[in-house]
Every structure is written in C-alpha cells, then in structure tokens.
C-alpha cells in the first residue's frame, strides 16, 4: 500500500543524493537542499548501504528512484550503484540527474546496468556562456547528450535553468536543439534554495511569457499530476516541460517525493533541514529492515506542504 502523508499526498519517489562533490561550479545549483560541506569532506554512503535503503523504500511502494548529487558520476562506483538498485524487484523507474560532462564515457554501460532515463543540465548552447556559468566545457556536455541518446535512454531531458540577462533569449534555440537531438527540454525557473539572495534577485526570470508562447504553439498540453502539476507542452516534433520553483502552491501540494541526503538522512522537504531523520547510523548499528521501514514512515509523516497558502 502506498504511503500517504497527513495531507493525503502519496509518497512515490525517492531522490538519492550520492555525493556532494561536483566537477562544475554552477551558482544556480540547489544541491537537493543539502547544507553545503567543503568539497571532499562530506561522508558518503557505500554501495551496499545505498542499495539496502533503496530496497527498503521499494518495499514500501516507493518505486521510482532518481540518483542525484552533487554530480553522481563523480562516484567511481556509480555503475555498481546503478546495477544494485536496478536489480531490486519492483523498481518501476530508475533515473539520474547529471551535468553530462562524463556521460560520454559511461552512458552505454549505465544503460546496460539498468539506468533508464537521464536529465542533463544544459543552460545554454554558447560555449562562452556555458563556461561562465559552470566553469566547464560545453563540448563535454554535448558529447554526453549525444551518447545518452545513442545508448537508448528514453527520454533524455535537458534541464535549462532560465536566467535573466543570461540565456532568456536562447530558449527558442534550445527548443530547436531538443527537436533535432531527440531530447525533451525542461525550462526551469530559478529556485531560491541554496542560492544567494542577491543572485536570485538579479537572475530570477518568471516563465509566464514562455508558457504563453508554448501554449500558443502546442498541439496539446498535459498536466503531470504527480510531478507538482507541471505542464508539458507537446509542440510539433518536440516536447517542452516547464518547472516552476517552490514558492507556488502547486509545487508543494502535489509533491510526491522524499529525499535521501548524501550522508544518509531522510529529508522530507527540499526547503527544510530541521526535520531530517538519520537512517544511516541506525543501519550501521544493526537496525533490521523493519526498523528502517519505521524510519521511512516517520519521515513520511514529517512531509507537509512548505507553501500551504502560496
């Protein structure tokens, strides 16, 4: 039976942060709401620990798992993690968010081991702008996109955080790129989580105008009920999704997620760090699966809409 919280929201998805480490430096990254530790200092879970926690989650009908970070491909054991989680009976969906810079080398192997979908961060097609935003090289990410499509991931989604004065005018170009690369474009409104206030004020751009443009061009519009009620615009030959940030009622009211931090704590809400539930320490001290299930149930009861009245 699917767990529901005190507001009647089902718990369907678990986002597992594998590491806080990343090879890029994107100012707009919310790091899954984790409090930032110095690079290389945060404790990380082992492969067996990650797989066991995922197995306990799946036994509670939390059957959709996304591997996140940091950059998950920084883990040298990433293929073992994917293989272990994918082998759990009743996992309905195993996906990953990545910056794509190392995906060119790993896409085929990850797909072979059971990863089925990837979201690749790609804020621009300009090499110069990409470097300014991330301190990385766009060639590596574009190679990752190409490799992901070739490996058979379905779908491959491009996460474009829209930044005022930086890449707003590049949205049509990105839509065209998605169409010709066989990918889905996700336009993401800048989220204030883990972002400096001044940075947010300067670079935040509401996506209302883009949504109106998409609505006029769309053959049909889909609403993803269990994904924060986000809208999906089916244009001729390409799909574009629009992701609004947390300070809107729909995001919270329709949340179906629980997070597992990179150091082994269940995180009921992206926006809060005052109600984390440590699952790694009890597990290392010999807790049974039934005891771990109770921690999941406790974390689920801590889930509540952060913006009830937004």
Protein backbone atom coordinates (compact mmCIF):
# COMPACT_ATOMS: atom_id res chain seq x y z
CA UNK A 1 0.00 0.00 0.00
CA UNK A 2 1.36 3.42 -0.99
CA UNK A 3 2.24 5.64 1.96
CA UNK A 4 0.39 8.94 2.23
CA UNK A 5 1.28 11.85 4.47
CA UNK A 6 -1.02 13.80 6.79
CA UNK A 7 -2.15 15.91 3.82
CA UNK A 8 -3.11 12.90 1.72
CA UNK A 9 -0.13 13.19 -0.64
CA UNK A 10 1.20 9.82 -1.86
CA UNK A 11 4.90 9.01 -1.46
CA UNK A 12 6.01 7.67 -4.83
CA UNK A 13 9.54 8.94 -5.44
CA UNK A 14 12.89 8.75 -3.67
CA UNK A 15 15.72 11.04 -4.74
CA UNK A 16 19.07 9.67 -3.56
CA UNK A 17 21.96 12.14 -3.43
CA UNK A 18 25.07 10.03 -3.96
CA UNK A 19 27.61 12.76 -3.26
CA UNK A 20 28.01 16.48 -2.71
CA UNK A 21 31.07 16.50 -4.95
CA UNK A 22 30.83 18.08 -8.38
CA UNK A 23 33.28 18.94 -11.14
CA UNK A 24 31.36 22.11 -12.08
CA UNK A 25 30.56 25.29 -10.15
CA UNK A 26 27.04 26.37 -11.08
CA UNK A 27 25.81 29.29 -8.97
CA UNK A 28 22.18 28.28 -9.51
CA UNK A 29 22.52 24.70 -8.18
CA UNK A 30 20.24 23.99 -5.21
CA UNK A 31 22.19 20.81 -4.23
CA UNK A 32 18.94 18.99 -3.42
CA UNK A 33 18.56 21.34 -0.45
CA UNK A 34 21.58 19.92 1.37
CA UNK A 35 23.65 22.18 3.57
CA UNK A 36 26.96 22.59 1.80
CA UNK A 37 30.08 20.89 3.12
CA UNK A 38 33.58 21.65 1.94
CA UNK A 39 34.46 19.67 -1.17
CA UNK A 40 35.59 16.18 -0.27
CA UNK A 41 34.71 16.40 3.44
CA UNK A 42 31.15 15.06 3.47
CA UNK A 43 30.63 11.42 4.40
CA UNK A 44 29.17 9.26 1.64
CA UNK A 45 27.21 6.04 1.79
CA UNK A 46 28.65 2.81 0.44
CA UNK A 47 27.15 0.91 -2.48
CA UNK A 48 25.62 -1.71 -0.18
CA UNK A 49 24.11 0.96 2.07
CA UNK A 50 22.55 2.82 -0.85
CA UNK A 51 21.12 -0.36 -2.32
CA UNK A 52 19.73 -1.54 1.01
CA UNK A 53 18.00 1.78 1.70
CA UNK A 54 16.58 1.74 -1.83
CA UNK A 55 15.33 -1.81 -1.29
CA UNK A 56 13.56 -0.80 1.93
CA UNK A 57 11.97 2.15 0.10
CA UNK A 58 10.72 -0.09 -2.72
CA UNK A 59 9.21 -2.49 -0.16
CA UNK A 60 7.04 0.48 0.88
CA UNK A 61 5.91 1.05 -2.73
CA UNK A 62 8.31 3.95 -3.25
CA UNK A 63 9.17 2.52 -6.62
CA UNK A 64 10.56 5.47 -8.60
CA UNK A 65 14.17 6.30 -7.77
CA UNK A 66 16.32 9.15 -9.05
CA UNK A 67 20.08 9.31 -8.42
CA UNK A 68 21.29 12.85 -7.85
CA UNK A 69 24.14 14.84 -6.31
CA UNK A 70 26.30 16.84 -6.49
CA UNK A 71 27.33 15.10 -9.64
CA UNK A 72 26.53 11.36 -9.31
CA UNK A 73 29.10 10.42 -11.96
CA UNK A 74 31.84 11.62 -9.59
CA UNK A 75 31.36 8.30 -7.81
CA UNK A 76 33.86 5.77 -9.17
CA UNK A 77 31.40 3.05 -8.14
CA UNK A 78 28.44 4.59 -9.96
CA UNK A 79 27.93 1.57 -12.21
CA UNK A 80 27.80 -0.73 -9.17
CA UNK A 81 25.21 1.55 -7.56
CA UNK A 82 23.05 1.56 -10.69
CA UNK A 83 23.37 -2.19 -11.12
CA UNK A 84 22.42 -2.82 -7.48
CA UNK A 85 19.40 -0.53 -7.43
CA UNK A 86 18.14 -1.65 -10.83
CA UNK A 87 18.20 -5.27 -9.69
CA UNK A 88 15.71 -4.60 -6.88
CA UNK A 89 12.40 -6.27 -7.77
CA UNK A 90 9.53 -3.83 -8.39
CA UNK A 91 11.66 -0.78 -9.15
CA UNK A 92 9.45 0.89 -11.75
CA UNK A 93 11.80 3.68 -12.77
CA UNK A 94 15.50 4.40 -12.23
CA UNK A 95 16.80 7.73 -13.49
CA UNK A 96 19.61 10.19 -12.88
CA UNK A 97 20.29 13.91 -12.93
CA UNK A 98 23.76 14.78 -14.20
CA UNK A 99 25.72 17.63 -15.74
CA UNK A 100 26.59 15.20 -18.52
CA UNK A 101 30.28 16.03 -18.68
CA UNK A 102 31.32 12.42 -18.01
CA UNK A 103 28.32 10.75 -19.58
CA UNK A 104 30.05 10.30 -22.92
CA UNK A 105 32.26 7.65 -21.34
CA UNK A 106 29.59 5.98 -19.20
CA UNK A 107 26.21 6.21 -20.97
CA UNK A 108 26.28 2.80 -22.65
CA UNK A 109 27.45 1.00 -19.52
CA UNK A 110 24.93 2.74 -17.26
CA UNK A 111 22.11 1.84 -19.62
CA UNK A 112 23.29 -1.76 -19.76
CA UNK A 113 23.17 -1.94 -15.94
CA UNK A 114 19.59 -0.67 -15.75
CA UNK A 115 19.53 3.13 -15.75
CA UNK A 116 16.62 4.15 -17.95
CA UNK A 117 16.33 7.95 -18.01
CA UNK A 118 18.68 10.89 -17.60
CA UNK A 119 18.24 14.59 -17.00
CA UNK A 120 21.23 16.58 -18.26
CA UNK A 121 21.88 20.14 -17.15
CA UNK A 122 22.39 22.34 -20.20
CA UNK A 123 21.71 26.05 -19.58
CA UNK A 124 22.95 27.28 -22.97
CA UNK A 125 24.44 26.29 -26.31
CA UNK A 126 27.01 29.09 -26.15
CA UNK A 127 30.43 27.74 -25.19
CA UNK A 128 31.43 31.08 -23.67
CA UNK A 129 28.26 31.44 -21.60
CA UNK A 130 28.44 27.81 -20.51
CA UNK A 131 31.97 28.29 -19.17
CA UNK A 132 30.98 31.46 -17.34
CA UNK A 133 28.04 29.72 -15.70
CA UNK A 134 29.67 26.41 -14.83
CA UNK A 135 33.47 26.72 -15.23
CA UNK A 136 33.21 23.69 -17.52
CA UNK A 137 33.44 22.96 -21.25
CA UNK A 138 30.22 22.63 -23.19
CA UNK A 139 31.81 20.14 -25.60
CA UNK A 140 31.84 17.52 -22.83
CA UNK A 141 28.17 18.01 -22.03
CA UNK A 142 27.10 17.95 -25.68
CA UNK A 143 29.03 14.70 -26.09
CA UNK A 144 27.16 13.38 -23.07
CA UNK A 145 23.81 14.30 -24.62
CA UNK A 146 24.75 12.56 -27.85
CA UNK A 147 25.96 9.45 -26.02
CA UNK A 148 22.82 9.27 -23.86
CA UNK A 149 20.53 9.35 -26.90
CA UNK A 150 22.67 6.76 -28.70
CA UNK A 151 22.69 4.48 -25.65
CA UNK A 152 18.89 4.31 -25.67
CA UNK A 153 17.89 6.35 -22.64
CA UNK A 154 14.25 7.32 -23.02
CA UNK A 155 13.70 10.07 -22.53
CA UNK A 156 16.80 12.21 -22.35
CA UNK A 157 15.76 15.51 -20.78
CA UNK A 158 17.72 18.75 -20.97
CA UNK A 159 17.43 20.88 -17.84
CA UNK A 160 17.70 24.54 -18.76
CA UNK A 161 17.61 26.92 -15.80
CA UNK A 162 16.41 30.20 -17.31
CA UNK A 163 18.47 33.14 -16.02
CA UNK A 164 17.54 36.77 -16.54
CA UNK A 165 20.06 38.58 -18.72
CA UNK A 166 21.98 35.36 -19.45
CA UNK A 167 20.05 32.85 -21.53
CA UNK A 168 16.44 34.04 -21.76
CA UNK A 169 16.76 34.81 -25.47
CA UNK A 170 18.28 31.38 -26.10
CA UNK A 171 15.08 29.46 -25.31
CA UNK A 172 13.96 29.15 -29.00
CA UNK A 173 17.44 27.89 -29.90
CA UNK A 174 17.26 25.30 -27.12
CA UNK A 175 13.81 24.16 -28.29
CA UNK A 176 15.24 23.67 -31.77
CA UNK A 177 18.23 21.77 -30.37
CA UNK A 178 15.92 19.46 -28.40
CA UNK A 179 13.90 18.78 -31.54
CA UNK A 180 16.94 17.86 -33.62
CA UNK A 181 18.72 15.90 -30.87
CA UNK A 182 15.70 13.77 -29.98
CA UNK A 183 15.51 15.09 -26.43
CA UNK A 184 12.92 16.81 -24.20
CA UNK A 185 13.57 20.34 -23.00
CA UNK A 186 12.76 21.31 -19.42
CA UNK A 187 12.61 25.05 -18.81
CA UNK A 188 13.33 25.54 -15.11
CA UNK A 189 12.61 28.71 -13.20
CA UNK A 190 15.45 29.70 -10.87
CA UNK A 191 14.85 28.29 -7.39
CA UNK A 192 15.86 30.36 -4.33
CA UNK A 193 17.00 27.25 -2.44
CA UNK A 194 20.73 27.45 -1.60
CA UNK A 195 21.06 30.50 -3.86
CA UNK A 196 22.36 33.84 -2.62
CA UNK A 197 19.53 36.40 -2.24
CA UNK A 198 21.28 38.99 -4.40
CA UNK A 199 21.93 36.38 -7.09
CA UNK A 200 18.26 35.38 -7.06
CA UNK A 201 17.02 38.96 -7.36
CA UNK A 202 19.31 39.62 -10.32
CA UNK A 203 18.85 36.42 -12.28
CA UNK A 204 15.33 35.20 -11.48
CA UNK A 205 13.04 35.26 -14.51
CA UNK A 206 9.40 34.20 -14.31
CA UNK A 207 8.44 31.78 -17.08
CA UNK A 208 4.93 33.11 -17.69
CA UNK A 209 5.80 34.64 -21.08
CA UNK A 210 7.48 31.44 -22.22
CA UNK A 211 4.46 29.40 -21.13
CA UNK A 212 2.14 31.63 -23.14
CA UNK A 213 4.37 31.19 -26.21
CA UNK A 214 4.39 27.42 -25.71
CA UNK A 215 0.63 27.32 -25.16
CA UNK A 216 0.04 29.05 -28.48
CA UNK A 217 2.29 26.60 -30.34
CA UNK A 218 1.29 23.40 -28.55
CA UNK A 219 -0.77 20.70 -30.20
CA UNK A 220 -1.87 19.70 -26.70
CA UNK A 221 -0.93 20.44 -23.09
CA UNK A 222 -0.52 17.74 -20.46
CA UNK A 223 -0.53 18.24 -16.69
CA UNK A 224 1.65 15.85 -14.70
CA UNK A 225 -0.38 15.42 -11.54
CA UNK A 226 2.30 13.57 -9.56
CA UNK A 227 5.10 15.92 -10.67
CA UNK A 228 4.00 19.12 -8.92
CA UNK A 229 1.23 19.61 -11.53
CA UNK A 230 3.84 20.78 -14.03
CA UNK A 231 2.68 21.39 -17.57
CA UNK A 232 4.06 19.56 -20.59
CA UNK A 233 3.69 21.25 -23.98
CA UNK A 234 3.57 18.92 -26.96
CA UNK A 235 4.79 21.03 -29.87
CA UNK A 236 5.23 19.69 -33.42
CA UNK A 237 8.23 17.32 -33.23
CA UNK A 238 9.34 18.35 -29.72
CA UNK A 239 8.18 18.32 -26.09
CA UNK A 240 8.86 21.14 -23.64
CA UNK A 241 8.16 20.95 -19.89
CA UNK A 242 8.01 23.96 -17.58
CA UNK A 243 9.19 23.64 -13.99
CA UNK A 244 8.25 26.40 -11.58
CA UNK A 245 10.11 26.86 -8.28
CA UNK A 246 8.94 26.00 -4.80
CA UNK A 247 7.18 29.23 -3.90
CA UNK A 248 3.96 28.23 -5.55
CA UNK A 249 1.16 26.18 -4.06
CA UNK A 250 1.08 23.55 -6.80
CA UNK A 251 4.71 22.58 -6.24
CA UNK A 252 4.08 21.67 -2.61
CA UNK A 253 0.51 20.42 -2.74
CA UNK A 254 1.40 17.89 -5.43
CA UNK A 255 4.79 16.81 -4.08
CA UNK A 256 5.28 13.02 -4.01
CA UNK A 257 8.97 12.99 -3.08
CA UNK A 258 11.26 12.07 -0.24
CA UNK A 259 14.99 12.73 -0.40
CA UNK A 260 17.95 10.81 0.96
CA UNK A 261 20.93 13.07 1.59
CA UNK A 262 24.43 12.05 0.56
CA UNK A 263 25.31 11.39 4.22
CA UNK A 264 22.34 9.13 4.85
CA UNK A 265 19.49 11.25 6.22
CA UNK A 266 15.88 11.12 5.07
CA UNK A 267 14.84 14.63 4.04
CA UNK A 268 11.06 15.16 3.95
CA UNK A 269 11.17 18.60 2.30
CA UNK A 270 13.52 20.29 -0.16
CA UNK A 271 13.24 23.56 1.76
CA UNK A 272 13.90 22.31 5.28
CA UNK A 273 16.85 20.84 7.14
CA UNK A 274 15.34 20.93 10.64
CA UNK A 275 13.41 17.65 10.36
CA UNK A 276 15.97 15.25 8.87
CA UNK A 277 15.83 11.64 10.03
CA UNK A 278 19.11 9.74 10.24
CA UNK A 279 18.75 6.31 8.67
CA UNK A 280 22.42 5.55 8.04
CA UNK A 281 23.54 5.50 11.70
CA UNK A 282 20.83 3.04 12.83
CA UNK A 283 21.60 0.84 9.83
CA UNK A 284 25.30 0.78 10.69
CA UNK A 285 24.37 -0.15 14.25
CA UNK A 286 22.47 -3.21 13.08
CA UNK A 287 18.90 -1.99 12.59
CA UNK A 288 16.60 -4.51 10.90
CA UNK A 289 14.72 -3.78 7.69
CA UNK A 290 11.52 -3.42 9.71
CA UNK A 291 13.19 -0.78 11.88
CA UNK A 292 14.37 1.05 8.75
CA UNK A 293 10.84 0.93 7.36
CA UNK A 294 9.62 2.68 10.51
CA UNK A 295 12.12 5.48 9.88
CA UNK A 296 10.72 5.89 6.37
CA UNK A 297 7.20 6.02 7.80
CA UNK A 298 8.31 8.62 10.32
CA UNK A 299 9.91 10.71 7.58
CA UNK A 300 6.73 10.43 5.54
CA UNK A 301 4.69 11.82 8.43
CA UNK A 302 7.08 14.79 8.54
CA UNK A 303 6.18 15.63 4.94
CA UNK A 304 3.94 18.66 4.67
CA UNK A 305 3.50 21.42 2.08
CA UNK A 306 6.11 24.10 2.74
CA UNK A 307 3.95 26.70 1.00
CA UNK A 308 0.45 25.82 2.12
CA UNK A 309 -1.00 29.21 1.31
CA UNK A 310 1.21 30.43 -1.52
